[in-house]
Amino acid sequence: EREFVATINRNGRSTDFANSVKGRFTISRDNVK
C-alpha cells in the first residue's frame, strides 16, 4: 500500500516524517519556485 514519507506545512516551518525515514530524509519547499 502507499505509505506516508514526509510532510511540510504551508510556510515550510513545520515538518513531519515517517519513523522509517527520520534522520535520513528532509523535506523543504521554495514558495517562490
All heavy atoms as atom14 arrays in JSON, in Angstrom:
{
  "sequence": "EREFVATINRNGRSTDFANSVKGRFTISRDNVK",
  "atom14_mask": [
    [1, 1, 1, 1, 1, 1, 1, 1, 1, 0, 0, 0, 0, 0],
    [1, 1, 1, 1, 1, 1, 1, 1, 1, 1, 1, 0, 0, 0],
    [1, 1, 1, 1, 1, 1, 1, 1, 1, 0, 0, 0, 0, 0],
    [1, 1, 1, 1, 1, 1, 1, 1, 1, 1, 1, 0, 0, 0],
    [1, 1, 1, 1, 1, 1, 1, 0, 0, 0, 0, 0, 0, 0],
    [1, 1, 1, 1, 1, 0, 0, 0, 0, 0, 0, 0, 0, 0],
    [1, 1, 1, 1, 1, 1, 1, 0, 0, 0, 0, 0, 0, 0],
    [1, 1, 1, 1, 1, 1, 1, 1, 0, 0, 0, 0, 0, 0],
    [1, 1, 1, 1, 1, 1, 1, 1, 0, 0, 0, 0, 0, 0],
    [1, 1, 1, 1, 1, 1, 1, 1, 1, 1, 1, 0, 0, 0],
    [1, 1, 1, 1, 1, 1, 1, 1, 0, 0, 0, 0, 0, 0],
    [1, 1, 1, 1, 0, 0, 0, 0, 0, 0, 0, 0, 0, 0],
    [1, 1, 1, 1, 1, 1, 1, 1, 1, 1, 1, 0, 0, 0],
    [1, 1, 1, 1, 1, 1, 0, 0, 0, 0, 0, 0, 0, 0],
    [1, 1, 1, 1, 1, 1, 1, 0, 0, 0, 0, 0, 0, 0],
    [1, 1, 1, 1, 1, 1, 1, 1, 0, 0, 0, 0, 0, 0],
    [1, 1, 1, 1, 1, 1, 1, 1, 1, 1, 1, 0, 0, 0],
    [1, 1, 1, 1, 1, 0, 0, 0, 0, 0, 0, 0, 0, 0],
    [1, 1, 1, 1, 1, 1, 1, 1, 0, 0, 0, 0, 0, 0],
    [1, 1, 1, 1, 1, 1, 0, 0, 0, 0, 0, 0, 0, 0],
    [1, 1, 1, 1, 1, 1, 1, 0, 0, 0, 0, 0, 0, 0],
    [1, 1, 1, 1, 1, 1, 1, 1, 1, 0, 0, 0, 0, 0],
    [1, 1, 1, 1, 0, 0, 0, 0, 0, 0, 0, 0, 0, 0],
    [1, 1, 1, 1, 1, 1, 1, 1, 1, 1, 1, 0, 0, 0],
    [1, 1, 1, 1, 1, 1, 1, 1, 1, 1, 1, 0, 0, 0],
    [1, 1, 1, 1, 1, 1, 1, 0, 0, 0, 0, 0, 0, 0],
    [1, 1, 1, 1, 1, 1, 1, 1, 0, 0, 0, 0, 0, 0],
    [1, 1, 1, 1, 1, 1, 0, 0, 0, 0, 0, 0, 0, 0],
    [1, 1, 1, 1, 1, 1, 1, 1, 1, 1, 1, 0, 0, 0],
    [1, 1, 1, 1, 1, 1, 1, 1, 0, 0, 0, 0, 0, 0],
    [1, 1, 1, 1, 1, 1, 1, 1, 0, 0, 0, 0, 0, 0],
    [1, 1, 1, 1, 1, 1, 1, 0, 0, 0, 0, 0, 0, 0],
    [1, 1, 1, 1, 1, 1, 1, 1, 1, 0, 0, 0, 0, 0]
  ],
  "atom14_positions": [
    [[0.84, -1.2, 0.0], [0.0, 0.0, 0.0], [0.88, 1.25, 0.0], [2.03, 1.23, 0.45], [-0.92, 0.0, 1.22], [-1.95, -1.12, 1.21], [-2.92, -1.01, 2.37], [-2.71, -0.16, 3.25], [-3.9, -1.79, 2.37], [0.0, 0.0, 0.0], [0.0, 0.0, 0.0], [0.0, 0.0, 0.0], [0.0, 0.0, 0.0], [0.0, 0.0, 0.0]],
    [[0.3, 2.33, -0.47], [1.01, 3.59, -0.44], [1.18, 4.04, 1.01], [0.25, 3.9, 1.82], [0.26, 4.63, -1.26], [1.02, 5.91, -1.47], [0.55, 6.65, -2.71], [-0.88, 6.89, -2.77], [-1.49, 7.4, -3.83], [-0.81, 7.71, -4.92], [-2.78, 7.6, -3.8], [0.0, 0.0, 0.0], [0.0, 0.0, 0.0], [0.0, 0.0, 0.0]],
    [[2.36, 4.58, 1.33], [2.62, 4.97, 2.71], [3.18, 6.39, 2.76], [3.83, 6.87, 1.84], [3.62, 4.0, 3.37], [4.99, 3.98, 2.76], [5.96, 3.09, 3.53], [5.56, 2.45, 4.51], [7.15, 3.08, 3.16], [0.0, 0.0, 0.0], [0.0, 0.0, 0.0], [0.0, 0.0, 0.0], [0.0, 0.0, 0.0], [0.0, 0.0, 0.0]],
    [[2.92, 7.02, 3.88], [3.39, 8.37, 4.15], [4.9, 8.38, 4.33], [5.48, 7.48, 4.96], [2.71, 8.9, 5.42], [3.34, 10.13, 6.0], [3.19, 11.36, 5.39], [4.07, 10.04, 7.18], [3.76, 12.48, 5.94], [4.65, 11.16, 7.74], [4.5, 12.38, 7.11], [0.0, 0.0, 0.0], [0.0, 0.0, 0.0], [0.0, 0.0, 0.0]],
    [[5.56, 9.42, 3.78], [7.0, 9.59, 3.95], [7.31, 10.88, 4.72], [7.99, 10.85, 5.74], [7.72, 9.63, 2.58], [9.2, 9.91, 2.77], [7.51, 8.32, 1.83], [0.0, 0.0, 0.0], [0.0, 0.0, 0.0], [0.0, 0.0, 0.0], [0.0, 0.0, 0.0], [0.0, 0.0, 0.0], [0.0, 0.0, 0.0], [0.0, 0.0, 0.0]],
    [[6.81, 12.01, 4.21], [7.14, 13.3, 4.82], [6.1, 14.33, 4.43], [5.48, 14.23, 3.37], [8.52, 13.76, 4.38], [0.0, 0.0, 0.0], [0.0, 0.0, 0.0], [0.0, 0.0, 0.0], [0.0, 0.0, 0.0], [0.0, 0.0, 0.0], [0.0, 0.0, 0.0], [0.0, 0.0, 0.0], [0.0, 0.0, 0.0], [0.0, 0.0, 0.0]],
    [[5.95, 15.34, 5.3], [5.02, 16.42, 5.01], [5.6, 17.75, 5.48], [6.44, 17.78, 6.39], [3.65, 16.16, 5.66], [2.75, 17.22, 5.32], [3.75, 16.1, 7.18], [0.0, 0.0, 0.0], [0.0, 0.0, 0.0], [0.0, 0.0, 0.0], [0.0, 0.0, 0.0], [0.0, 0.0, 0.0], [0.0, 0.0, 0.0], [0.0, 0.0, 0.0]],
    [[5.14, 18.83, 4.86], [5.6, 20.16, 5.22], [4.4, 21.1, 5.17], [3.54, 20.98, 4.29], [6.73, 20.62, 4.28], [7.37, 21.91, 4.75], [6.26, 20.72, 2.84], [8.72, 22.2, 4.07], [0.0, 0.0, 0.0], [0.0, 0.0, 0.0], [0.0, 0.0, 0.0], [0.0, 0.0, 0.0], [0.0, 0.0, 0.0], [0.0, 0.0, 0.0]],
    [[4.36, 22.04, 6.12], [3.2, 22.92, 6.16], [3.34, 24.04, 5.13], [4.3, 24.1, 4.37], [2.98, 23.46, 7.57], [3.95, 24.59, 7.92], [5.12, 24.54, 7.55], [3.46, 25.58, 8.64], [0.0, 0.0, 0.0], [0.0, 0.0, 0.0], [0.0, 0.0, 0.0], [0.0, 0.0, 0.0], [0.0, 0.0, 0.0], [0.0, 0.0, 0.0]],
    [[2.37, 24.91, 5.12], [2.28, 25.91, 4.06], [3.47, 26.85, 4.0], [3.92, 27.22, 2.9], [0.98, 26.71, 4.23], [-0.27, 25.92, 3.86], [-1.53, 26.62, 4.27], [-1.59, 28.0, 3.81], [-2.59, 28.83, 4.06], [-3.63, 28.41, 4.77], [-2.55, 30.06, 3.6], [0.0, 0.0, 0.0], [0.0, 0.0, 0.0], [0.0, 0.0, 0.0]],
    [[4.01, 27.25, 5.15], [5.12, 28.21, 5.11], [6.47, 27.54, 5.28], [7.5, 28.22, 5.37], [4.91, 29.31, 6.14], [4.89, 28.8, 7.56], [5.28, 27.66, 7.83], [4.44, 29.63, 8.48], [0.0, 0.0, 0.0], [0.0, 0.0, 0.0], [0.0, 0.0, 0.0], [0.0, 0.0, 0.0], [0.0, 0.0, 0.0], [0.0, 0.0, 0.0]],
    [[6.48, 26.23, 5.37], [7.73, 25.49, 5.43], [8.36, 25.4, 6.8], [9.47, 24.86, 6.92], [0.0, 0.0, 0.0], [0.0, 0.0, 0.0], [0.0, 0.0, 0.0], [0.0, 0.0, 0.0], [0.0, 0.0, 0.0], [0.0, 0.0, 0.0], [0.0, 0.0, 0.0], [0.0, 0.0, 0.0], [0.0, 0.0, 0.0], [0.0, 0.0, 0.0]],
    [[7.68, 25.88, 7.83], [8.3, 25.92, 9.16], [8.02, 24.67, 9.98], [8.66, 24.46, 11.01], [7.81, 27.16, 9.91], [8.29, 28.45, 9.29], [7.73, 29.65, 9.99], [8.17, 30.9, 9.34], [7.71, 32.1, 9.65], [6.81, 32.24, 10.62], [8.16, 33.16, 9.0], [0.0, 0.0, 0.0], [0.0, 0.0, 0.0], [0.0, 0.0, 0.0]],
    [[7.09, 23.86, 9.54], [6.78, 22.62, 10.26], [6.87, 21.44, 9.32], [6.39, 21.5, 8.18], [5.37, 22.69, 10.86], [5.29, 23.7, 11.84], [0.0, 0.0, 0.0], [0.0, 0.0, 0.0], [0.0, 0.0, 0.0], [0.0, 0.0, 0.0], [0.0, 0.0, 0.0], [0.0, 0.0, 0.0], [0.0, 0.0, 0.0], [0.0, 0.0, 0.0]],
    [[7.49, 20.38, 9.8], [7.62, 19.16, 9.02], [7.33, 17.95, 9.9], [7.36, 18.03, 11.13], [9.04, 19.02, 8.43], [9.98, 18.99, 9.5], [9.38, 20.17, 7.49], [0.0, 0.0, 0.0], [0.0, 0.0, 0.0], [0.0, 0.0, 0.0], [0.0, 0.0, 0.0], [0.0, 0.0, 0.0], [0.0, 0.0, 0.0], [0.0, 0.0, 0.0]],
    [[7.07, 16.84, 9.24], [6.87, 15.58, 9.95], [7.32, 14.46, 9.03], [7.25, 14.6, 7.8], [5.4, 15.41, 10.34], [5.18, 14.27, 11.32], [6.16, 13.86, 11.98], [4.04, 13.78, 11.42], [0.0, 0.0, 0.0], [0.0, 0.0, 0.0], [0.0, 0.0, 0.0], [0.0, 0.0, 0.0], [0.0, 0.0, 0.0], [0.0, 0.0, 0.0]],
    [[7.79, 13.38, 9.64], [8.36, 12.29, 8.87], [7.87, 10.94, 9.4], [7.59, 10.79, 10.59], [9.89, 12.32, 8.95], [10.49, 13.56, 8.37], [10.7, 14.66, 9.17], [10.84, 13.61, 7.03], [11.24, 15.82, 8.63], [11.38, 14.76, 6.49], [11.58, 15.87, 7.29], [0.0, 0.0, 0.0], [0.0, 0.0, 0.0], [0.0, 0.0, 0.0]],
    [[7.82, 9.97, 8.51], [7.61, 8.6, 8.94], [8.82, 8.14, 9.74], [9.95, 8.56, 9.48], [7.42, 7.7, 7.73], [0.0, 0.0, 0.0], [0.0, 0.0, 0.0], [0.0, 0.0, 0.0], [0.0, 0.0, 0.0], [0.0, 0.0, 0.0], [0.0, 0.0, 0.0], [0.0, 0.0, 0.0], [0.0, 0.0, 0.0], [0.0, 0.0, 0.0]],
    [[8.58, 7.28, 10.71], [9.69, 6.8, 11.55], [10.78, 6.13, 10.72], [11.96, 6.22, 11.06], [9.15, 5.81, 12.59], [8.35, 6.51, 13.68], [8.54, 7.69, 13.95], [7.44, 5.77, 14.3], [0.0, 0.0, 0.0], [0.0, 0.0, 0.0], [0.0, 0.0, 0.0], [0.0, 0.0, 0.0], [0.0, 0.0, 0.0], [0.0, 0.0, 0.0]],
    [[10.39, 5.49, 9.64], [11.35, 4.75, 8.83], [12.36, 5.65, 8.11], [13.4, 5.16, 7.66], [10.61, 3.89, 7.8], [9.81, 4.7, 6.97], [0.0, 0.0, 0.0], [0.0, 0.0, 0.0], [0.0, 0.0, 0.0], [0.0, 0.0, 0.0], [0.0, 0.0, 0.0], [0.0, 0.0, 0.0], [0.0, 0.0, 0.0], [0.0, 0.0, 0.0]],
    [[12.06, 6.94, 8.0], [12.96, 7.84, 7.27], [13.52, 8.97, 8.15], [14.35, 9.75, 7.67], [12.27, 8.44, 6.03], [11.71, 7.33, 5.14], [11.2, 9.45, 6.41], [0.0, 0.0, 0.0], [0.0, 0.0, 0.0], [0.0, 0.0, 0.0], [0.0, 0.0, 0.0], [0.0, 0.0, 0.0], [0.0, 0.0, 0.0], [0.0, 0.0, 0.0]],
    [[13.08, 9.05, 9.38], [13.56, 10.12, 10.27], [15.07, 10.06, 10.4], [15.65, 8.99, 10.6], [12.91, 9.99, 11.65], [11.54, 10.61, 11.73], [10.96, 10.5, 13.13], [9.56, 11.11, 13.17], [8.92, 10.95, 14.5], [0.0, 0.0, 0.0], [0.0, 0.0, 0.0], [0.0, 0.0, 0.0], [0.0, 0.0, 0.0], [0.0, 0.0, 0.0]],
    [[15.69, 11.23, 10.3], [17.14, 11.32, 10.4], [17.85, 11.08, 9.1], [19.06, 11.33, 8.99], [0.0, 0.0, 0.0], [0.0, 0.0, 0.0], [0.0, 0.0, 0.0], [0.0, 0.0, 0.0], [0.0, 0.0, 0.0], [0.0, 0.0, 0.0], [0.0, 0.0, 0.0], [0.0, 0.0, 0.0], [0.0, 0.0, 0.0], [0.0, 0.0, 0.0]],
    [[17.15, 10.58, 8.09], [17.75, 10.32, 6.77], [17.19, 11.22, 5.69], [17.9, 11.61, 4.76], [17.55, 8.87, 6.37], [18.14, 7.86, 7.33], [18.1, 6.44, 6.75], [16.74, 5.97, 6.54], [16.29, 5.56, 5.34], [17.08, 5.55, 4.28], [15.04, 5.12, 5.22], [0.0, 0.0, 0.0], [0.0, 0.0, 0.0], [0.0, 0.0, 0.0]],
    [[15.91, 11.54, 5.78], [15.23, 12.33, 4.76], [14.89, 13.71, 5.33], [14.6, 13.85, 6.52], [13.92, 11.67, 4.33], [14.06, 10.41, 3.53], [15.27, 9.73, 3.41], [12.95, 9.87, 2.89], [15.38, 8.56, 2.69], [13.04, 8.7, 2.16], [14.25, 8.04, 2.07], [0.0, 0.0, 0.0], [0.0, 0.0, 0.0], [0.0, 0.0, 0.0]],
    [[14.92, 14.71, 4.46], [14.41, 16.03, 4.81], [13.48, 16.52, 3.71], [13.65, 16.15, 2.54], [15.53, 17.05, 5.02], [16.32, 17.13, 3.82], [16.42, 16.69, 6.18], [0.0, 0.0, 0.0], [0.0, 0.0, 0.0], [0.0, 0.0, 0.0], [0.0, 0.0, 0.0], [0.0, 0.0, 0.0], [0.0, 0.0, 0.0], [0.0, 0.0, 0.0]],
    [[12.5, 17.31, 4.1], [11.57, 17.9, 3.15], [11.67, 19.4, 3.25], [11.84, 19.95, 4.35], [10.12, 17.4, 3.41], [9.17, 17.9, 2.32], [9.64, 17.8, 4.81], [7.77, 17.28, 2.4], [0.0, 0.0, 0.0], [0.0, 0.0, 0.0], [0.0, 0.0, 0.0], [0.0, 0.0, 0.0], [0.0, 0.0, 0.0], [0.0, 0.0, 0.0]],
    [[11.61, 20.07, 2.12], [11.67, 21.52, 2.1], [10.83, 22.04, 0.94], [10.4, 21.26, 0.08], [13.12, 22.0, 1.97], [13.7, 21.53, 0.76], [0.0, 0.0, 0.0], [0.0, 0.0, 0.0], [0.0, 0.0, 0.0], [0.0, 0.0, 0.0], [0.0, 0.0, 0.0], [0.0, 0.0, 0.0], [0.0, 0.0, 0.0], [0.0, 0.0, 0.0]],
    [[10.6, 23.33, 0.94], [9.81, 23.93, -0.13], [10.34, 25.32, -0.45], [10.9, 25.99, 0.42], [8.32, 23.99, 0.24], [8.01, 24.92, 1.4], [6.55, 24.75, 1.84], [5.62, 25.2, 0.81], [4.35, 24.82, 0.75], [3.86, 23.96, 1.64], [3.56, 25.3, -0.2], [0.0, 0.0, 0.0], [0.0, 0.0, 0.0], [0.0, 0.0, 0.0]],
    [[10.14, 25.7, -1.69], [10.5, 27.04, -2.15], [9.22, 27.68, -2.66], [8.74, 27.31, -3.74], [11.58, 26.95, -3.24], [12.1, 28.3, -3.66], [11.34, 29.29, -3.62], [13.27, 28.38, -4.06], [0.0, 0.0, 0.0], [0.0, 0.0, 0.0], [0.0, 0.0, 0.0], [0.0, 0.0, 0.0], [0.0, 0.0, 0.0], [0.0, 0.0, 0.0]],
    [[8.68, 28.61, -1.89], [7.4, 29.2, -2.25], [7.52, 30.27, -3.34], [6.51, 30.86, -3.74], [6.71, 29.77, -1.02], [6.05, 28.69, -0.18], [6.11, 27.51, -0.52], [5.44, 29.08, 0.92], [0.0, 0.0, 0.0], [0.0, 0.0, 0.0], [0.0, 0.0, 0.0], [0.0, 0.0, 0.0], [0.0, 0.0, 0.0], [0.0, 0.0, 0.0]],
    [[8.73, 30.52, -3.79], [8.94, 31.39, -4.96], [8.99, 30.53, -6.23], [8.4, 30.89, -7.25], [10.22, 32.22, -4.81], [10.52, 32.99, -6.08], [10.11, 33.16, -3.61], [0.0, 0.0, 0.0], [0.0, 0.0, 0.0], [0.0, 0.0, 0.0], [0.0, 0.0, 0.0], [0.0, 0.0, 0.0], [0.0, 0.0, 0.0], [0.0, 0.0, 0.0]],
    [[9.67, 29.4, -6.14], [9.79, 28.5, -7.29], [8.64, 27.52, -7.39], [8.59, 26.7, -8.32], [11.11, 27.73, -7.22], [12.35, 28.62, -7.35], [13.62, 27.78, -7.32], [14.85, 28.66, -7.51], [16.11, 27.87, -7.48], [0.0, 0.0, 0.0], [0.0, 0.0, 0.0], [0.0, 0.0, 0.0], [0.0, 0.0, 0.0], [0.0, 0.0, 0.0]]
  ]
}
